Every structure is written in C-alpha cells, then in structure tokens.
Amino acid sequence: MAYEITDLIFQQEVLQSDKVTLIDLWAEWCGPCRLMSPVIEELAQEYQGRAVVGKLNVDNNPEVPVNYNVRGIPTFLLFKNGELKEKIVGVQTKQFLKDKIESFLG
C-alpha cells in the first residue's frame, strides 16, 4: 500500500531520506487522481524496499503543495536523497512513472 505522507512527516520521510521517493499529490474530489490511485498502489508494491511510493492529500496537507508551487493535481514529485529531481503534472502511464523511478535508482 502506498505510504501516507503528511506535512508533519514530509521533512523526515522525504527530505531526510536516502531513498528514491515518488509522492502523488492528490485529492478525493479529483477524478484524474482517482484514475492514478491503482497505478500508485501497484508501484508501491513493486518498489517495496527499493524506493518509497507515497500519497499526499493536498486538502489535508497544504504546506507541501505551496512549497513546491503545485498548481494542479495529480502532481508527482520525485526525490532522490531528499532533493527534488522531477515534478510531473497530470495523468501518466504506469510505465512512464516506472521509467522515471528506475532512472534514479541506478
């Protein structure tokens, strides 16, 4: 299951992490976000132990979206060693997101 990220634990779990981390910024009311949910869950399972795949609800956690200038959802933030490497906006294919994660795992 995808890891639930919040504003409170973002610094510790993402910025201080030495892992590749993909965060899905989403909301309950967002249709495209709901489309991406099964993809994120599959990626979380596939990368368990190798990378962190998490979800951040933008309605409950406003700090992270503001800090990263998120204007639309879904938005995916990809970090390596706590540093933002990619910001991807909109619905994506599972393969596209896998390729992005793999590019930073190597």
PDB file of N, CA and C in Angstrom:
ATOM      1  N   MET A   1       0.839  -1.190   0.000  1.00  0.00           N
ATOM      2  CA  MET A   1       0.000   0.000   0.000  1.00  0.00           C
ATOM      3  C   MET A   1       0.883   1.253   0.000  1.00  0.00           C
ATOM      4  N   ALA A   2       0.458   2.257  -0.742  1.00  0.00           N
ATOM      5  CA  ALA A   2       1.229   3.498  -0.810  1.00  0.00           C
ATOM      6  C   ALA A   2       1.292   4.143   0.575  1.00  0.00           C
ATOM      7  N   TYR A   3       2.435   4.698   0.881  1.00  0.00           N
ATOM      8  CA  TYR A   3       2.711   5.320   2.164  1.00  0.00           C
ATOM      9  C   TYR A   3       1.993   6.664   2.239  1.00  0.00           C
ATOM     10  N   GLU A   4       1.282   6.924   3.325  1.00  0.00           N
ATOM     11  CA  GLU A   4       0.567   8.193   3.502  1.00  0.00           C
ATOM     12  C   GLU A   4       1.543   9.242   4.043  1.00  0.00           C
ATOM     13  N   ILE A   5       1.809  10.245   3.226  1.00  0.00           N
ATOM     14  CA  ILE A   5       2.723  11.328   3.603  1.00  0.00           C
ATOM     15  C   ILE A   5       1.880  12.521   4.048  1.00  0.00           C
ATOM     16  N   THR A   6       2.321  13.189   5.101  1.00  0.00           N
ATOM     17  CA  THR A   6       1.633  14.397   5.574  1.00  0.00           C
ATOM     18  C   THR A   6       2.649  15.535   5.695  1.00  0.00           C
ATOM     19  N   ASP A   7       2.127  16.751   5.848  1.00  0.00           N
ATOM     20  CA  ASP A   7       3.010  17.905   6.073  1.00  0.00           C
ATOM     21  C   ASP A   7       3.926  17.656   7.273  1.00  0.00           C
ATOM     22  N   LEU A   8       3.382  17.022   8.319  1.00  0.00           N
ATOM     23  CA  LEU A   8       4.138  16.828   9.561  1.00  0.00           C
ATOM     24  C   LEU A   8       5.345  15.915   9.391  1.00  0.00           C
ATOM     25  N   ILE A   9       5.222  14.900   8.542  1.00  0.00           N
ATOM     26  CA  ILE A   9       6.324  13.930   8.408  1.00  0.00           C
ATOM     27  C   ILE A   9       7.110  14.100   7.108  1.00  0.00           C
ATOM     28  N   PHE A  10       6.745  15.087   6.290  1.00  0.00           N
ATOM     29  CA  PHE A  10       7.379  15.262   4.982  1.00  0.00           C
ATOM     30  C   PHE A  10       8.888  15.438   5.100  1.00  0.00           C
ATOM     31  N   GLN A  11       9.324  16.330   5.989  1.00  0.00           N
ATOM     32  CA  GLN A  11      10.752  16.588   6.142  1.00  0.00           C
ATOM     33  C   GLN A  11      11.507  15.307   6.504  1.00  0.00           C
ATOM     34  N   GLN A  12      11.010  14.594   7.500  1.00  0.00           N
ATOM     35  CA  GLN A  12      11.686  13.384   7.977  1.00  0.00           C
ATOM     36  C   GLN A  12      11.629  12.256   6.949  1.00  0.00           C
ATOM     37  N   GLU A  13      10.454  12.016   6.360  1.00  0.00           N
ATOM     38  CA  GLU A  13      10.260  10.853   5.493  1.00  0.00           C
ATOM     39  C   GLU A  13      10.709  11.073   4.052  1.00  0.00           C
ATOM     40  N   VAL A  14      10.788  12.318   3.615  1.00  0.00           N
ATOM     41  CA  VAL A  14      11.151  12.595   2.217  1.00  0.00           C
ATOM     42  C   VAL A  14      12.471  13.352   2.132  1.00  0.00           C
ATOM     43  N   LEU A  15      12.544  14.512   2.780  1.00  0.00           N
ATOM     44  CA  LEU A  15      13.731  15.357   2.632  1.00  0.00           C
ATOM     45  C   LEU A  15      14.958  14.778   3.329  1.00  0.00           C
ATOM     46  N   GLN A  16      14.758  13.982   4.369  1.00  0.00           N
ATOM     47  CA  GLN A  16      15.903  13.386   5.065  1.00  0.00           C
ATOM     48  C   GLN A  16      16.126  11.933   4.661  1.00  0.00           C
ATOM     49  N   SER A  17      15.411  11.476   3.655  1.00  0.00           N
ATOM     50  CA  SER A  17      15.512  10.087   3.205  1.00  0.00           C
ATOM     51  C   SER A  17      16.674   9.924   2.233  1.00  0.00           C
ATOM     52  N   ASP A  18      17.285   8.747   2.267  1.00  0.00           N
ATOM     53  CA  ASP A  18      18.338   8.447   1.291  1.00  0.00           C
ATOM     54  C   ASP A  18      17.789   7.574   0.161  1.00  0.00           C
ATOM     55  N   LYS A  19      16.475   7.432   0.108  1.00  0.00           N
ATOM     56  CA  LYS A  19      15.835   6.612  -0.927  1.00  0.00           C
ATOM     57  C   LYS A  19      15.242   7.479  -2.035  1.00  0.00           C
ATOM     58  N   VAL A  20      15.027   6.850  -3.181  1.00  0.00           N
ATOM     59  CA  VAL A  20      14.241   7.472  -4.239  1.00  0.00           C
ATOM     60  C   VAL A  20      12.791   7.460  -3.746  1.00  0.00           C
ATOM     61  N   THR A  21      12.134   8.613  -3.831  1.00  0.00           N
ATOM     62  CA  THR A  21      10.784   8.759  -3.302  1.00  0.00           C
ATOM     63  C   THR A  21       9.887   9.431  -4.330  1.00  0.00           C
ATOM     64  N   LEU A  22       8.766   8.779  -4.648  1.00  0.00           N
ATOM     65  CA  LEU A  22       7.757   9.346  -5.540  1.00  0.00           C
ATOM     66  C   LEU A  22       6.532   9.673  -4.703  1.00  0.00           C
ATOM     67  N   ILE A  23       6.120  10.937  -4.726  1.00  0.00           N
ATOM     68  CA  ILE A  23       4.944  11.375  -3.970  1.00  0.00           C
ATOM     69  C   ILE A  23       3.849  11.776  -4.951  1.00  0.00           C
ATOM     70  N   ASP A  24       2.676  11.198  -4.766  1.00  0.00           N
ATOM     71  CA  ASP A  24       1.493  11.532  -5.554  1.00  0.00           C
ATOM     72  C   ASP A  24       0.685  12.549  -4.761  1.00  0.00           C
ATOM     73  N   LEU A  25       0.588  13.777  -5.265  1.00  0.00           N
ATOM     74  CA  LEU A  25      -0.241  14.801  -4.635  1.00  0.00           C
ATOM     75  C   LEU A  25      -1.632  14.715  -5.255  1.00  0.00           C
ATOM     76  N   TRP A  26      -2.640  14.482  -4.417  1.00  0.00           N
ATOM     77  CA  TRP A  26      -3.974  14.157  -4.899  1.00  0.00           C
ATOM     78  C   TRP A  26      -5.039  14.730  -3.972  1.00  0.00           C
ATOM     79  N   ALA A  27      -6.309  14.558  -4.379  1.00  0.00           N
ATOM     80  CA  ALA A  27      -7.457  14.931  -3.540  1.00  0.00           C
ATOM     81  C   ALA A  27      -8.620  13.997  -3.865  1.00  0.00           C
ATOM     82  N   GLU A  28      -9.506  13.812  -2.881  1.00  0.00           N
ATOM     83  CA  GLU A  28     -10.670  12.924  -3.040  1.00  0.00           C
ATOM     84  C   GLU A  28     -11.555  13.328  -4.220  1.00  0.00           C
ATOM     85  N   TRP A  29     -11.747  14.626  -4.411  1.00  0.00           N
ATOM     86  CA  TRP A  29     -12.682  15.144  -5.412  1.00  0.00           C
ATOM     87  C   TRP A  29     -12.112  15.139  -6.825  1.00  0.00           C
ATOM     88  N   CYS A  30     -10.859  14.761  -6.978  1.00  0.00           N
ATOM     89  CA  CYS A  30     -10.155  14.863  -8.262  1.00  0.00           C
ATOM     90  C   CYS A  30     -10.289  13.556  -9.054  1.00  0.00           C
ATOM     91  N   GLY A  31     -11.053  13.598 -10.143  1.00  0.00           N
ATOM     92  CA  GLY A  31     -11.258  12.414 -10.983  1.00  0.00           C
ATOM     93  C   GLY A  31      -9.960  11.828 -11.525  1.00  0.00           C
ATOM     94  N   PRO A  32      -9.091  12.635 -12.142  1.00  0.00           N
ATOM     95  CA  PRO A  32      -7.818  12.100 -12.640  1.00  0.00           C
ATOM     96  C   PRO A  32      -6.953  11.491 -11.523  1.00  0.00           C
ATOM     97  N   CYS A  33      -7.063  12.050 -10.323  1.00  0.00           N
ATOM     98  CA  CYS A  33      -6.316  11.488  -9.186  1.00  0.00           C
ATOM     99  C   CYS A  33      -6.812  10.078  -8.874  1.00  0.00           C
ATOM    100  N   ARG A  34      -8.121   9.901  -8.929  1.00  0.00           N
ATOM    101  CA  ARG A  34      -8.688   8.572  -8.659  1.00  0.00           C
ATOM    102  C   ARG A  34      -8.255   7.584  -9.727  1.00  0.00           C
ATOM    103  N   LEU A  35      -8.118   8.043 -10.961  1.00  0.00           N
ATOM    104  CA  LEU A  35      -7.604   7.185 -12.037  1.00  0.00           C
ATOM    105  C   LEU A  35      -6.189   6.694 -11.730  1.00  0.00           C
ATOM    106  N   MET A  36      -5.389   7.545 -11.126  1.00  0.00           N
ATOM    107  CA  MET A  36      -3.983   7.221 -10.855  1.00  0.00           C
ATOM    108  C   MET A  36      -3.810   6.351  -9.613  1.00  0.00           C
ATOM    109  N   SER A  37      -4.801   6.313  -8.748  1.00  0.00           N
ATOM    110  CA  SER A  37      -4.664   5.613  -7.474  1.00  0.00           C
ATOM    111  C   SER A  37      -4.235   4.147  -7.610  1.00  0.00           C
ATOM    112  N   PRO A  38      -4.870   3.342  -8.495  1.00  0.00           N
ATOM    113  CA  PRO A  38      -4.415   1.946  -8.612  1.00  0.00           C
ATOM    114  C   PRO A  38      -2.981   1.835  -9.125  1.00  0.00           C
ATOM    115  N   VAL A  39      -2.583   2.744  -9.990  1.00  0.00           N
ATOM    116  CA  VAL A  39      -1.212   2.744 -10.518  1.00  0.00           C
ATOM    117  C   VAL A  39      -0.217   3.001  -9.385  1.00  0.00           C
ATOM    118  N   ILE A  40      -0.524   3.968  -8.540  1.00  0.00           N
ATOM    119  CA  ILE A  40       0.353   4.300  -7.413  1.00  0.00           C
ATOM    120  C   ILE A  40       0.447   3.119  -6.454  1.00  0.00           C
ATOM    121  N   GLU A  41      -0.680   2.452  -6.202  1.00  0.00           N
ATOM    122  CA  GLU A  41      -0.673   1.285  -5.315  1.00  0.00           C
ATOM    123  C   GLU A  41       0.204   0.165  -5.893  1.00  0.00           C
ATOM    124  N   GLU A  42       0.100  -0.070  -7.205  1.00  0.00           N
ATOM    125  CA  GLU A  42       0.917  -1.102  -7.857  1.00  0.00           C
ATOM    126  C   GLU A  42       2.396  -0.749  -7.761  1.00  0.00           C
ATOM    127  N   LEU A  43       2.724   0.504  -8.013  1.00  0.00           N
ATOM    128  CA  LEU A  43       4.126   0.931  -7.928  1.00  0.00           C
ATOM    129  C   LEU A  43       4.659   0.778  -6.504  1.00  0.00           C
ATOM    130  N   ALA A  44       3.812   1.098  -5.520  1.00  0.00           N
ATOM    131  CA  ALA A  44       4.232   0.964  -4.122  1.00  0.00           C
ATOM    132  C   ALA A  44       4.602  -0.481  -3.816  1.00  0.00           C
ATOM    133  N   GLN A  45       3.817  -1.412  -4.322  1.00  0.00           N
ATOM    134  CA  GLN A  45       4.111  -2.831  -4.101  1.00  0.00           C
ATOM    135  C   GLN A  45       5.370  -3.257  -4.843  1.00  0.00           C
ATOM    136  N   GLU A  46       5.470  -2.855  -6.096  1.00  0.00           N
ATOM    137  CA  GLU A  46       6.601  -3.275  -6.930  1.00  0.00           C
ATOM    138  C   GLU A  46       7.937  -2.750  -6.417  1.00  0.00           C
ATOM    139  N   TYR A  47       7.932  -1.561  -5.841  1.00  0.00           N
ATOM    140  CA  TYR A  47       9.187  -0.946  -5.403  1.00  0.00           C
ATOM    141  C   TYR A  47       9.427  -1.062  -3.905  1.00  0.00           C
ATOM    142  N   GLN A  48       8.606  -1.852  -3.222  1.00  0.00           N
ATOM    143  CA  GLN A  48       8.756  -2.014  -1.776  1.00  0.00           C
ATOM    144  C   GLN A  48      10.196  -2.436  -1.448  1.00  0.00           C
ATOM    145  N   GLY A  49      10.836  -1.676  -0.550  1.00  0.00           N
ATOM    146  CA  GLY A  49      12.206  -1.974  -0.157  1.00  0.00           C
ATOM    147  C   GLY A  49      13.256  -1.327  -1.043  1.00  0.00           C
ATOM    148  N   ARG A  50      12.864  -0.890  -2.242  1.00  0.00           N
ATOM    149  CA  ARG A  50      13.819  -0.266  -3.169  1.00  0.00           C
ATOM    150  C   ARG A  50      13.607   1.240  -3.291  1.00  0.00           C
ATOM    151  N   ALA A  51      12.352   1.659  -3.217  1.00  0.00           N
ATOM    152  CA  ALA A  51      12.004   3.081  -3.328  1.00  0.00           C
ATOM    153  C   ALA A  51      10.733   3.290  -2.505  1.00  0.00           C
ATOM    154  N   VAL A  52      10.471   4.531  -2.160  1.00  0.00           N
ATOM    155  CA  VAL A  52       9.265   4.867  -1.414  1.00  0.00           C
ATOM    156  C   VAL A  52       8.255   5.461  -2.394  1.00  0.00           C
ATOM    157  N   VAL A  53       7.047   4.932  -2.373  1.00  0.00           N
ATOM    158  CA  VAL A  53       5.964   5.488  -3.180  1.00  0.00           C
ATOM    159  C   VAL A  53       4.874   5.898  -2.199  1.00  0.00           C
ATOM    160  N   GLY A  54       4.562   7.182  -2.198  1.00  0.00           N
ATOM    161  CA  GLY A  54       3.608   7.692  -1.222  1.00  0.00           C
ATOM    162  C   GLY A  54       2.576   8.603  -1.839  1.00  0.00           C
ATOM    163  N   LYS A  55       1.562   8.915  -1.033  1.00  0.00           N
ATOM    164  CA  LYS A  55       0.476   9.797  -1.443  1.00  0.00           C
ATOM    165  C   LYS A  55       0.342  10.913  -0.414  1.00  0.00           C
ATOM    166  N   LEU A  56       0.061  12.117  -0.902  1.00  0.00           N
ATOM    167  CA  LEU A  56      -0.161  13.248  -0.018  1.00  0.00           C
ATOM    168  C   LEU A  56      -1.473  13.921  -0.428  1.00  0.00           C
ATOM    169  N   ASN A  57      -2.438  13.936   0.476  1.00  0.00           N
ATOM    170  CA  ASN A  57      -3.726  14.560   0.215  1.00  0.00           C
ATOM    171  C   ASN A  57      -3.563  16.079   0.362  1.00  0.00           C
ATOM    172  N   VAL A  58      -3.741  16.800  -0.745  1.00  0.00           N
ATOM    173  CA  VAL A  58      -3.487  18.248  -0.740  1.00  0.00           C
ATOM    174  C   VAL A  58      -4.507  19.027   0.090  1.00  0.00           C
ATOM    175  N   ASP A  59      -5.706  18.477   0.271  1.00  0.00           N
ATOM    176  CA  ASP A  59      -6.711  19.169   1.076  1.00  0.00           C
ATOM    177  C   ASP A  59      -6.347  19.137   2.555  1.00  0.00           C
ATOM    178  N   ASN A  60      -5.768  18.042   3.004  1.00  0.00           N
ATOM    179  CA  ASN A  60      -5.401  17.885   4.412  1.00  0.00           C
ATOM    180  C   ASN A  60      -3.994  18.390   4.723  1.00  0.00           C
ATOM    181  N   ASN A  61      -3.179  18.571   3.696  1.00  0.00           N
ATOM    182  CA  ASN A  61      -1.761  18.928   3.869  1.00  0.00           C
ATOM    183  C   ASN A  61      -1.390  20.044   2.898  1.00  0.00           C
ATOM    184  N   PRO A  62      -1.715  21.292   3.226  1.00  0.00           N
ATOM    185  CA  PRO A  62      -1.497  22.393   2.281  1.00  0.00           C
ATOM    186  C   PRO A  62      -0.057  22.880   2.164  1.00  0.00           C
ATOM    187  N   GLU A  63       0.800  22.582   3.140  1.00  0.00           N
ATOM    188  CA  GLU A  63       2.165  23.134   3.128  1.00  0.00           C
ATOM    189  C   GLU A  63       3.003  22.644   1.953  1.00  0.00           C
ATOM    190  N   VAL A  64       3.043  21.338   1.751  1.00  0.00           N
ATOM    191  CA  VAL A  64       3.895  20.771   0.695  1.00  0.00           C
ATOM    192  C   VAL A  64       3.502  21.304  -0.692  1.00  0.00           C
ATOM    193  N   PRO A  65       2.203  21.295  -1.057  1.00  0.00           N
ATOM    194  CA  PRO A  65       1.857  21.841  -2.371  1.00  0.00           C
ATOM    195  C   PRO A  65       2.270  23.303  -2.545  1.00  0.00           C
ATOM    196  N   VAL A  66       2.126  24.109  -1.486  1.00  0.00           N
ATOM    197  CA  VAL A  66       2.533  25.521  -1.578  1.00  0.00           C
ATOM    198  C   VAL A  66       4.052  25.616  -1.740  1.00  0.00           C
ATOM    199  N   ASN A  67       4.788  24.853  -0.945  1.00  0.00           N
ATOM    200  CA  ASN A  67       6.255  24.901  -1.001  1.00  0.00           C
ATOM    201  C   ASN A  67       6.820  24.485  -2.352  1.00  0.00           C
ATOM    202  N   TYR A  68       6.107  23.601  -3.051  1.00  0.00           N
ATOM    203  CA  TYR A  68       6.590  23.118  -4.340  1.00  0.00           C
ATOM    204  C   TYR A  68       5.788  23.690  -5.506  1.00  0.00           C
ATOM    205  N   ASN A  69       5.058  24.766  -5.244  1.00  0.00           N
ATOM    206  CA  ASN A  69       4.352  25.513  -6.284  1.00  0.00           C
ATOM    207  C   ASN A  69       3.457  24.608  -7.132  1.00  0.00           C
ATOM    208  N   VAL A  70       2.708  23.743  -6.466  1.00  0.00           N
ATOM    209  CA  VAL A  70       1.816  22.825  -7.171  1.00  0.00           C
ATOM    210  C   VAL A  70       0.543  23.580  -7.538  1.00  0.00           C
ATOM    211  N   ARG A  71       0.236  23.610  -8.831  1.00  0.00           N
ATOM    212  CA  ARG A  71      -0.914  24.364  -9.337  1.00  0.00           C
ATOM    213  C   ARG A  71      -2.052  23.461  -9.797  1.00  0.00           C
ATOM    214  N   GLY A  72      -1.769  22.195 -10.037  1.00  0.00           N
ATOM    215  CA  GLY A  72      -2.794  21.263 -10.500  1.00  0.00           C
ATOM    216  C   GLY A  72      -2.489  19.877  -9.968  1.00  0.00           C
ATOM    217  N   ILE A  73      -3.527  19.051  -9.893  1.00  0.00           N
ATOM    218  CA  ILE A  73      -3.326  17.683  -9.436  1.00  0.00           C
ATOM    219  C   ILE A  73      -3.991  16.740 -10.435  1.00  0.00           C
ATOM    220  N   PRO A  74      -3.495  15.518 -10.551  1.00  0.00           N
ATOM    221  CA  PRO A  74      -2.372  14.985  -9.779  1.00  0.00           C
ATOM    222  C   PRO A  74      -1.038  15.592 -10.205  1.00  0.00           C
ATOM    223  N   THR A  75      -0.183  15.774  -9.226  1.00  0.00           N
ATOM    224  CA  THR A  75       1.212  16.145  -9.460  1.00  0.00           C
ATOM    225  C   THR A  75       2.066  15.111  -8.744  1.00  0.00           C
ATOM    226  N   PHE A  76       3.125  14.695  -9.405  1.00  0.00           N
ATOM    227  CA  PHE A  76       4.051  13.714  -8.838  1.00  0.00           C
ATOM    228  C   PHE A  76       5.385  14.395  -8.601  1.00  0.00           C
ATOM    229  N   LEU A  77       5.878  14.299  -7.375  1.00  0.00           N
ATOM    230  CA  LEU A  77       7.190  14.845  -7.025  1.00  0.00           C
ATOM    231  C   LEU A  77       8.123  13.665  -6.826  1.00  0.00           C
ATOM    232  N   LEU A  78       9.256  13.695  -7.518  1.00  0.00           N
ATOM    233  CA  LEU A  78      10.229  12.611  -7.440  1.00  0.00           C
ATOM    234  C   LEU A  78      11.512  13.139  -6.805  1.00  0.00           C
ATOM    235  N   PHE A  79      11.879  12.527  -5.695  1.00  0.00           N
ATOM    236  CA  PHE A  79      13.049  12.943  -4.927  1.00  0.00           C
ATOM    237  C   PHE A  79      14.096  11.842  -4.920  1.00  0.00           C
ATOM    238  N   LYS A  80      15.348  12.248  -4.834  1.00  0.00           N
ATOM    239  CA  LYS A  80      16.434  11.311  -4.567  1.00  0.00           C
ATOM    240  C   LYS A  80      17.323  11.968  -3.523  1.00  0.00           C
ATOM    241  N   ASN A  81      17.585  11.228  -2.445  1.00  0.00           N
ATOM    242  CA  ASN A  81      18.390  11.757  -1.341  1.00  0.00           C
ATOM    243  C   ASN A  81      17.855  13.098  -0.840  1.00  0.00           C
ATOM    244  N   GLY A  82      16.521  13.230  -0.801  1.00  0.00           N
ATOM    245  CA  GLY A  82      15.892  14.429  -0.268  1.00  0.00           C
ATOM    246  C   GLY A  82      15.868  15.613  -1.209  1.00  0.00           C
ATOM    247  N   GLU A  83      16.360  15.432  -2.432  1.00  0.00           N
ATOM    248  CA  GLU A  83      16.409  16.536  -3.392  1.00  0.00           C
ATOM    249  C   GLU A  83      15.371  16.313  -4.488  1.00  0.00           C
ATOM    250  N   LEU A  84      14.566  17.335  -4.776  1.00  0.00           N
ATOM    251  CA  LEU A  84      13.567  17.228  -5.837  1.00  0.00           C
ATOM    252  C   LEU A  84      14.265  17.083  -7.182  1.00  0.00           C
ATOM    253  N   LYS A  85      13.955  15.999  -7.886  1.00  0.00           N
ATOM    254  CA  LYS A  85      14.568  15.731  -9.192  1.00  0.00           C
ATOM    255  C   LYS A  85      13.600  15.977 -10.342  1.00  0.00           C
ATOM    256  N   GLU A  86      12.309  15.677 -10.112  1.00  0.00           N
ATOM    257  CA  GLU A  86      11.307  15.831 -11.171  1.00  0.00           C
ATOM    258  C   GLU A  86       9.986  16.273 -10.571  1.00  0.00           C
ATOM    259  N   LYS A  87       9.264  17.084 -11.316  1.00  0.00           N
ATOM    260  CA  LYS A  87       7.890  17.467 -10.972  1.00  0.00           C
ATOM    261  C   LYS A  87       7.063  17.158 -12.215  1.00  0.00           C
ATOM    262  N   ILE A  88       6.148  16.216 -12.084  1.00  0.00           N
ATOM    263  CA  ILE A  88       5.378  15.724 -13.220  1.00  0.00           C
ATOM    264  C   ILE A  88       3.908  16.025 -12.950  1.00  0.00           C
ATOM    265  N   VAL A  89       3.271  16.712 -13.886  1.00  0.00           N
ATOM    266  CA  VAL A  89       1.888  17.143 -13.685  1.00  0.00           C
ATOM    267  C   VAL A  89       0.961  16.371 -14.618  1.00  0.00           C
ATOM    268  N   GLY A  90      -0.162  15.906 -14.061  1.00  0.00           N
ATOM    269  CA  GLY A  90      -1.191  15.264 -14.871  1.00  0.00           C
ATOM    270  C   GLY A  90      -1.110  13.744 -14.853  1.00  0.00           C
ATOM    271  N   VAL A  91      -2.123  13.132 -15.443  1.00  0.00           N
ATOM    272  CA  VAL A  91      -2.205  11.668 -15.513  1.00  0.00           C
ATOM    273  C   VAL A  91      -1.046  11.133 -16.337  1.00  0.00           C
ATOM    274  N   GLN A  92      -0.414  10.078 -15.831  1.00  0.00           N
ATOM    275  CA  GLN A  92       0.730   9.462 -16.507  1.00  0.00           C
ATOM    276  C   GLN A  92       0.498   7.958 -16.600  1.00  0.00           C
ATOM    277  N   THR A  93       1.205   7.317 -17.503  1.00  0.00           N
ATOM    278  CA  THR A  93       1.119   5.864 -17.564  1.00  0.00           C
ATOM    279  C   THR A  93       1.999   5.266 -16.474  1.00  0.00           C
ATOM    280  N   LYS A  94       1.676   4.049 -16.094  1.00  0.00           N
ATOM    281  CA  LYS A  94       2.485   3.344 -15.104  1.00  0.00           C
ATOM    282  C   LYS A  94       3.916   3.208 -15.608  1.00  0.00           C
ATOM    283  N   GLN A  95       4.072   2.879 -16.898  1.00  0.00           N
ATOM    284  CA  GLN A  95       5.412   2.688 -17.456  1.00  0.00           C
ATOM    285  C   GLN A  95       6.232   3.978 -17.399  1.00  0.00           C
ATOM    286  N   PHE A  96       5.592   5.113 -17.671  1.00  0.00           N
ATOM    287  CA  PHE A  96       6.292   6.396 -17.606  1.00  0.00           C
ATOM    288  C   PHE A  96       6.841   6.638 -16.199  1.00  0.00           C
ATOM    289  N   LEU A  97       5.997   6.408 -15.189  1.00  0.00           N
ATOM    290  CA  LEU A  97       6.436   6.623 -13.803  1.00  0.00           C
ATOM    291  C   LEU A  97       7.502   5.608 -13.410  1.00  0.00           C
ATOM    292  N   LYS A  98       7.368   4.360 -13.853  1.00  0.00           N
ATOM    293  CA  LYS A  98       8.391   3.341 -13.583  1.00  0.00           C
ATOM    294  C   LYS A  98       9.734   3.767 -14.172  1.00  0.00           C
ATOM    295  N   ASP A  99       9.694   4.246 -15.419  1.00  0.00           N
ATOM    296  CA  ASP A  99      10.928   4.678 -16.082  1.00  0.00           C
ATOM    297  C   ASP A  99      11.592   5.815 -15.306  1.00  0.00           C
ATOM    298  N   LYS A 100      10.777   6.734 -14.790  1.00  0.00           N
ATOM    299  CA  LYS A 100      11.324   7.851 -14.004  1.00  0.00           C
ATOM    300  C   LYS A 100      11.976   7.342 -12.719  1.00  0.00           C
ATOM    301  N   ILE A 101      11.282   6.441 -12.008  1.00  0.00           N
ATOM    302  CA  ILE A 101      11.847   5.879 -10.769  1.00  0.00           C
ATOM    303  C   ILE A 101      13.142   5.139 -11.074  1.00  0.00           C
ATOM    304  N   GLU A 102      13.108   4.297 -12.097  1.00  0.00           N
ATOM    305  CA  GLU A 102      14.288   3.497 -12.463  1.00  0.00           C
ATOM    306  C   GLU A 102      15.476   4.390 -12.815  1.00  0.00           C
ATOM    307  N   SER A 103      15.218   5.514 -13.450  1.00  0.00           N
ATOM    308  CA  SER A 103      16.324   6.392 -13.869  1.00  0.00           C
ATOM    309  C   SER A 103      17.109   6.935 -12.677  1.00  0.00           C
ATOM    310  N   PHE A 104      16.459   6.979 -11.497  1.00  0.00           N
ATOM    311  CA  PHE A 104      17.156   7.480 -10.312  1.00  0.00           C
ATOM    312  C   PHE A 104      17.606   6.368  -9.378  1.00  0.00           C
ATOM    313  N   LEU A 105      17.191   5.139  -9.631  1.00  0.00           N
ATOM    314  CA  LEU A 105      17.622   4.021  -8.792  1.00  0.00           C
ATOM    315  C   LEU A 105      19.029   3.539  -9.147  1.00  0.00           C
ATOM    316  N   GLY A 106      19.400   3.685 -10.415  1.00  0.00           N
ATOM    317  CA  GLY A 106      20.647   3.123 -10.915  1.00  0.00           C
ATOM    318  C   GLY A 106      21.882   3.613 -10.335  1.00  0.00           C
TER     319      GLY A 106
END
